[in-house]
Amino acid sequence: MAVLASLIMFSARSFLALSNYSELNANNRITIDTMTRDLRECKRVITCTASRLEIEDWDGTTIRYDYSTGDRTLTRGKDGVISRMLTGCDALTFNLGTKNPIGGTFVVVPTTDVTQTKVVNVYWNCSRTILGQKVNTESVQTARIVIRNQQ
């Protein structure tokens, strides 16, 4: 009975971990695709902090990404509609950069000046609880997104 109980517990934990990983992977992919589309097509960065990014979209509207440490969520707001992009997000950081003026290199120089911003770096880490234990099934996601249409 003990062996059978152990086998059932191991199988349940493995099934939940795989299901959890699939959900996190799908959410991460949708989030990075949405952010990439928004940033590549935006006119400019309006404001940026470590947990908030506000951009002017190609049509003149504002898109805002907000990370809440208390709720562990990342939300996207546009035209009064707020959608939850990530849940169970343990950490998220936005950083701005400008391209290096030296041609043929991929070095990005950090900046805090939104008028000089040409690159947005984003990092996040998500986790879930499986059978009472916190598990990092998707450890780290990072992206470096170049703004194409900045005015």
C-alpha atoms as a PDB file:
ATOM      1  CA  MET A   1       0.000   0.000   0.000  1.00  0.00           C
ATOM      2  CA  ALA A   2       2.847   2.390   0.834  1.00  0.00           C
ATOM      3  CA  VAL A   3       4.496   1.752  -2.543  1.00  0.00           C
ATOM      4  CA  LEU A   4       1.192   2.258  -4.345  1.00  0.00           C
ATOM      5  CA  ALA A   5       0.535   5.494  -2.434  1.00  0.00           C
ATOM      6  CA  SER A   6       4.041   6.734  -3.281  1.00  0.00           C
ATOM      7  CA  LEU A   7       3.562   5.884  -6.946  1.00  0.00           C
ATOM      8  CA  ILE A   8       0.213   7.693  -7.067  1.00  0.00           C
ATOM      9  CA  MET A   9       1.692  10.760  -5.336  1.00  0.00           C
ATOM     10  CA  PHE A  10       4.685  10.840  -7.691  1.00  0.00           C
ATOM     11  CA  SER A  11       2.433  10.426 -10.748  1.00  0.00           C
ATOM     12  CA  ALA A  12       0.054  13.164  -9.590  1.00  0.00           C
ATOM     13  CA  ARG A  13       2.923  15.570  -8.904  1.00  0.00           C
ATOM     14  CA  SER A  14       4.489  14.832 -12.308  1.00  0.00           C
ATOM     15  CA  PHE A  15       1.181  15.290 -14.131  1.00  0.00           C
ATOM     16  CA  LEU A  16       0.498  18.596 -12.360  1.00  0.00           C
ATOM     17  CA  ALA A  17       4.044  19.834 -13.040  1.00  0.00           C
ATOM     18  CA  LEU A  18       3.713  19.050 -16.746  1.00  0.00           C
ATOM     19  CA  SER A  19       0.303  20.700 -16.927  1.00  0.00           C
ATOM     20  CA  ASN A  20       1.659  23.694 -15.035  1.00  0.00           C
ATOM     21  CA  TYR A  21       4.654  23.976 -17.344  1.00  0.00           C
ATOM     22  CA  SER A  22       2.383  23.915 -20.417  1.00  0.00           C
ATOM     23  CA  GLU A  23       0.195  26.691 -18.986  1.00  0.00           C
ATOM     24  CA  LEU A  24       3.180  28.863 -18.055  1.00  0.00           C
ATOM     25  CA  ASN A  25       4.793  28.291 -21.451  1.00  0.00           C
ATOM     26  CA  ALA A  26       1.616  29.341 -23.274  1.00  0.00           C
ATOM     27  CA  ASN A  27       1.184  32.459 -21.094  1.00  0.00           C
ATOM     28  CA  ASN A  28       4.839  33.424 -21.536  1.00  0.00           C
ATOM     29  CA  ARG A  29       4.635  33.017 -25.307  1.00  0.00           C
ATOM     30  CA  ILE A  30       1.459  35.118 -25.597  1.00  0.00           C
ATOM     31  CA  THR A  31       2.930  37.817 -23.343  1.00  0.00           C
ATOM     32  CA  ILE A  32       6.229  38.074 -25.209  1.00  0.00           C
ATOM     33  CA  ASP A  33       4.459  38.101 -28.593  1.00  0.00           C
ATOM     34  CA  THR A  34       2.085  40.873 -27.471  1.00  0.00           C
ATOM     35  CA  MET A  35       4.877  42.971 -25.943  1.00  0.00           C
ATOM     36  CA  THR A  36       7.068  42.531 -28.998  1.00  0.00           C
ATOM     37  CA  ARG A  37       4.279  43.605 -31.354  1.00  0.00           C
ATOM     38  CA  ASP A  38       3.376  46.612 -29.194  1.00  0.00           C
ATOM     39  CA  LEU A  39       6.951  47.816 -28.749  1.00  0.00           C
ATOM     40  CA  ARG A  40       8.113  47.331 -32.317  1.00  0.00           C
ATOM     41  CA  GLU A  41       5.159  49.319 -33.647  1.00  0.00           C
ATOM     42  CA  CYS A  42       5.065  52.051 -30.992  1.00  0.00           C
ATOM     43  CA  LYS A  43       5.904  55.679 -31.680  1.00  0.00           C
ATOM     44  CA  ARG A  44       7.730  56.275 -28.417  1.00  0.00           C
ATOM     45  CA  VAL A  45       8.198  55.348 -24.777  1.00  0.00           C
ATOM     46  CA  ILE A  46       6.268  57.746 -22.554  1.00  0.00           C
ATOM     47  CA  THR A  47       7.485  56.574 -19.127  1.00  0.00           C
ATOM     48  CA  CYS A  48       9.319  53.609 -17.717  1.00  0.00           C
ATOM     49  CA  THR A  49      10.092  52.342 -14.236  1.00  0.00           C
ATOM     50  CA  ALA A  50      11.264  48.911 -13.171  1.00  0.00           C
ATOM     51  CA  SER A  51       7.627  47.764 -12.856  1.00  0.00           C
ATOM     52  CA  ARG A  52       5.722  49.982 -15.325  1.00  0.00           C
ATOM     53  CA  LEU A  53       6.100  50.695 -19.020  1.00  0.00           C
ATOM     54  CA  GLU A  54       3.917  53.199 -20.846  1.00  0.00           C
ATOM     55  CA  ILE A  55       4.177  53.641 -24.622  1.00  0.00           C
ATOM     56  CA  GLU A  56       2.414  55.577 -27.358  1.00  0.00           C
ATOM     57  CA  ASP A  57       1.015  53.111 -29.863  1.00  0.00           C
ATOM     58  CA  TRP A  58       1.186  53.625 -33.628  1.00  0.00           C
ATOM     59  CA  ASP A  59      -2.371  55.013 -33.591  1.00  0.00           C
ATOM     60  CA  GLY A  60      -1.660  57.582 -30.855  1.00  0.00           C
ATOM     61  CA  THR A  61      -3.290  55.644 -28.005  1.00  0.00           C
ATOM     62  CA  THR A  62      -1.450  54.723 -24.823  1.00  0.00           C
ATOM     63  CA  ILE A  63      -0.536  51.167 -23.874  1.00  0.00           C
ATOM     64  CA  ARG A  64       0.522  50.529 -20.298  1.00  0.00           C
ATOM     65  CA  TYR A  65       2.133  47.447 -18.806  1.00  0.00           C
ATOM     66  CA  ASP A  66       1.959  47.272 -14.987  1.00  0.00           C
ATOM     67  CA  TYR A  67       3.573  44.690 -12.743  1.00  0.00           C
ATOM     68  CA  SER A  68       2.056  44.314  -9.263  1.00  0.00           C
ATOM     69  CA  THR A  69       4.314  42.644  -6.706  1.00  0.00           C
ATOM     70  CA  GLY A  70       1.417  42.131  -4.294  1.00  0.00           C
ATOM     71  CA  ASP A  71      -0.805  40.356  -6.823  1.00  0.00           C
ATOM     72  CA  ARG A  72       2.162  38.842  -8.698  1.00  0.00           C
ATOM     73  CA  THR A  73       0.531  39.859 -11.987  1.00  0.00           C
ATOM     74  CA  LEU A  74       1.418  41.724 -15.155  1.00  0.00           C
ATOM     75  CA  THR A  75      -1.440  43.615 -16.777  1.00  0.00           C
ATOM     76  CA  ARG A  76      -1.769  45.403 -20.117  1.00  0.00           C
ATOM     77  CA  GLY A  77      -4.069  48.379 -20.511  1.00  0.00           C
ATOM     78  CA  LYS A  78      -5.248  49.992 -23.750  1.00  0.00           C
ATOM     79  CA  ASP A  79      -8.401  51.993 -24.524  1.00  0.00           C
ATOM     80  CA  GLY A  80      -9.747  51.421 -21.014  1.00  0.00           C
ATOM     81  CA  VAL A  81      -9.473  47.640 -21.357  1.00  0.00           C
ATOM     82  CA  ILE A  82      -7.150  45.980 -18.841  1.00  0.00           C
ATOM     83  CA  SER A  83      -6.115  42.407 -19.487  1.00  0.00           C
ATOM     84  CA  ARG A  84      -4.094  40.130 -17.252  1.00  0.00           C
ATOM     85  CA  MET A  85      -1.016  38.879 -19.111  1.00  0.00           C
ATOM     86  CA  LEU A  86       0.888  36.932 -16.433  1.00  0.00           C
ATOM     87  CA  THR A  87      -0.056  35.469 -13.067  1.00  0.00           C
ATOM     88  CA  GLY A  88       2.207  33.952 -10.440  1.00  0.00           C
ATOM     89  CA  CYS A  89       4.952  36.331 -11.509  1.00  0.00           C
ATOM     90  CA  ASP A  90       7.609  36.494  -8.770  1.00  0.00           C
ATOM     91  CA  ALA A  91       9.714  39.222 -10.394  1.00  0.00           C
ATOM     92  CA  LEU A  92       9.503  41.485 -13.426  1.00  0.00           C
ATOM     93  CA  THR A  93      11.772  44.314 -14.539  1.00  0.00           C
ATOM     94  CA  PHE A  94      11.763  46.755 -17.452  1.00  0.00           C
ATOM     95  CA  ASN A  95      15.024  48.453 -18.527  1.00  0.00           C
ATOM     96  CA  LEU A  96      15.594  50.967 -21.309  1.00  0.00           C
ATOM     97  CA  GLY A  97      18.536  51.135 -23.654  1.00  0.00           C
ATOM     98  CA  THR A  98      19.835  52.943 -26.686  1.00  0.00           C
ATOM     99  CA  LYS A  99      21.779  51.421 -29.538  1.00  0.00           C
ATOM    100  CA  ASN A 100      25.524  51.788 -29.571  1.00  0.00           C
ATOM    101  CA  PRO A 101      26.546  54.249 -32.311  1.00  0.00           C
ATOM    102  CA  ILE A 102      29.309  51.871 -33.430  1.00  0.00           C
ATOM    103  CA  GLY A 103      28.052  50.062 -36.536  1.00  0.00           C
ATOM    104  CA  GLY A 104      28.195  46.288 -36.700  1.00  0.00           C
ATOM    105  CA  THR A 105      27.900  45.770 -32.935  1.00  0.00           C
ATOM    106  CA  PHE A 106      24.979  44.615 -30.847  1.00  0.00           C
ATOM    107  CA  VAL A 107      25.911  46.449 -27.658  1.00  0.00           C
ATOM    108  CA  VAL A 108      23.014  48.198 -25.954  1.00  0.00           C
ATOM    109  CA  VAL A 109      23.851  51.163 -23.737  1.00  0.00           C
ATOM    110  CA  PRO A 110      21.496  51.572 -20.730  1.00  0.00           C
ATOM    111  CA  THR A 111      19.568  54.836 -20.588  1.00  0.00           C
ATOM    112  CA  THR A 112      16.956  56.490 -18.422  1.00  0.00           C
ATOM    113  CA  ASP A 113      16.127  59.118 -21.058  1.00  0.00           C
ATOM    114  CA  VAL A 114      12.892  58.011 -22.744  1.00  0.00           C
ATOM    115  CA  THR A 115      13.607  60.274 -25.735  1.00  0.00           C
ATOM    116  CA  GLN A 116      16.776  58.273 -26.467  1.00  0.00           C
ATOM    117  CA  THR A 117      15.195  54.857 -25.946  1.00  0.00           C
ATOM    118  CA  LYS A 118      15.512  52.459 -28.832  1.00  0.00           C
ATOM    119  CA  VAL A 119      15.562  49.149 -26.924  1.00  0.00           C
ATOM    120  CA  VAL A 120      13.415  47.776 -24.089  1.00  0.00           C
ATOM    121  CA  ASN A 121      14.735  44.882 -22.028  1.00  0.00           C
ATOM    122  CA  VAL A 122      12.219  42.894 -20.010  1.00  0.00           C
ATOM    123  CA  TYR A 123      12.835  40.076 -17.536  1.00  0.00           C
ATOM    124  CA  TRP A 124      10.409  37.994 -15.506  1.00  0.00           C
ATOM    125  CA  ASN A 125      10.247  34.886 -13.379  1.00  0.00           C
ATOM    126  CA  CYS A 126       7.044  32.917 -12.715  1.00  0.00           C
ATOM    127  CA  SER A 127       6.265  30.037 -10.386  1.00  0.00           C
ATOM    128  CA  ARG A 128       3.300  28.013  -9.186  1.00  0.00           C
ATOM    129  CA  THR A 129       2.375  25.933  -6.173  1.00  0.00           C
ATOM    130  CA  ILE A 130       1.970  22.200  -6.781  1.00  0.00           C
ATOM    131  CA  LEU A 131       0.477  20.147  -3.964  1.00  0.00           C
ATOM    132  CA  GLY A 132       1.520  22.738  -1.399  1.00  0.00           C
ATOM    133  CA  GLN A 133       5.093  23.263  -2.682  1.00  0.00           C
ATOM    134  CA  LYS A 134       6.258  26.292  -4.629  1.00  0.00           C
ATOM    135  CA  VAL A 135       7.795  25.102  -7.866  1.00  0.00           C
ATOM    136  CA  ASN A 136       9.629  27.142 -10.486  1.00  0.00           C
ATOM    137  CA  THR A 137       8.479  25.351 -13.592  1.00  0.00           C
ATOM    138  CA  GLU A 138       9.450  28.275 -15.809  1.00  0.00           C
ATOM    139  CA  SER A 139      12.518  29.876 -14.324  1.00  0.00           C
ATOM    140  CA  VAL A 140      13.415  32.978 -16.361  1.00  0.00           C
ATOM    141  CA  GLN A 141      12.112  34.778 -19.441  1.00  0.00           C
ATOM    142  CA  THR A 142      14.035  37.640 -21.003  1.00  0.00           C
ATOM    143  CA  ALA A 143      13.608  39.699 -24.136  1.00  0.00           C
ATOM    144  CA  ARG A 144      15.392  42.569 -25.816  1.00  0.00           C
ATOM    145  CA  ILE A 145      12.914  44.362 -28.070  1.00  0.00           C
ATOM    146  CA  VAL A 146      13.980  47.039 -30.545  1.00  0.00           C
ATOM    147  CA  ILE A 147      11.571  49.899 -31.232  1.00  0.00           C
ATOM    148  CA  ARG A 148      11.309  50.322 -34.992  1.00  0.00           C
ATOM    149  CA  ASN A 149       9.156  53.431 -35.417  1.00  0.00           C
ATOM    150  CA  GLN A 150      10.283  55.748 -32.639  1.00  0.00           C
ATOM    151  CA  GLN A 151       9.799  59.366 -33.649  1.00  0.00           C
END
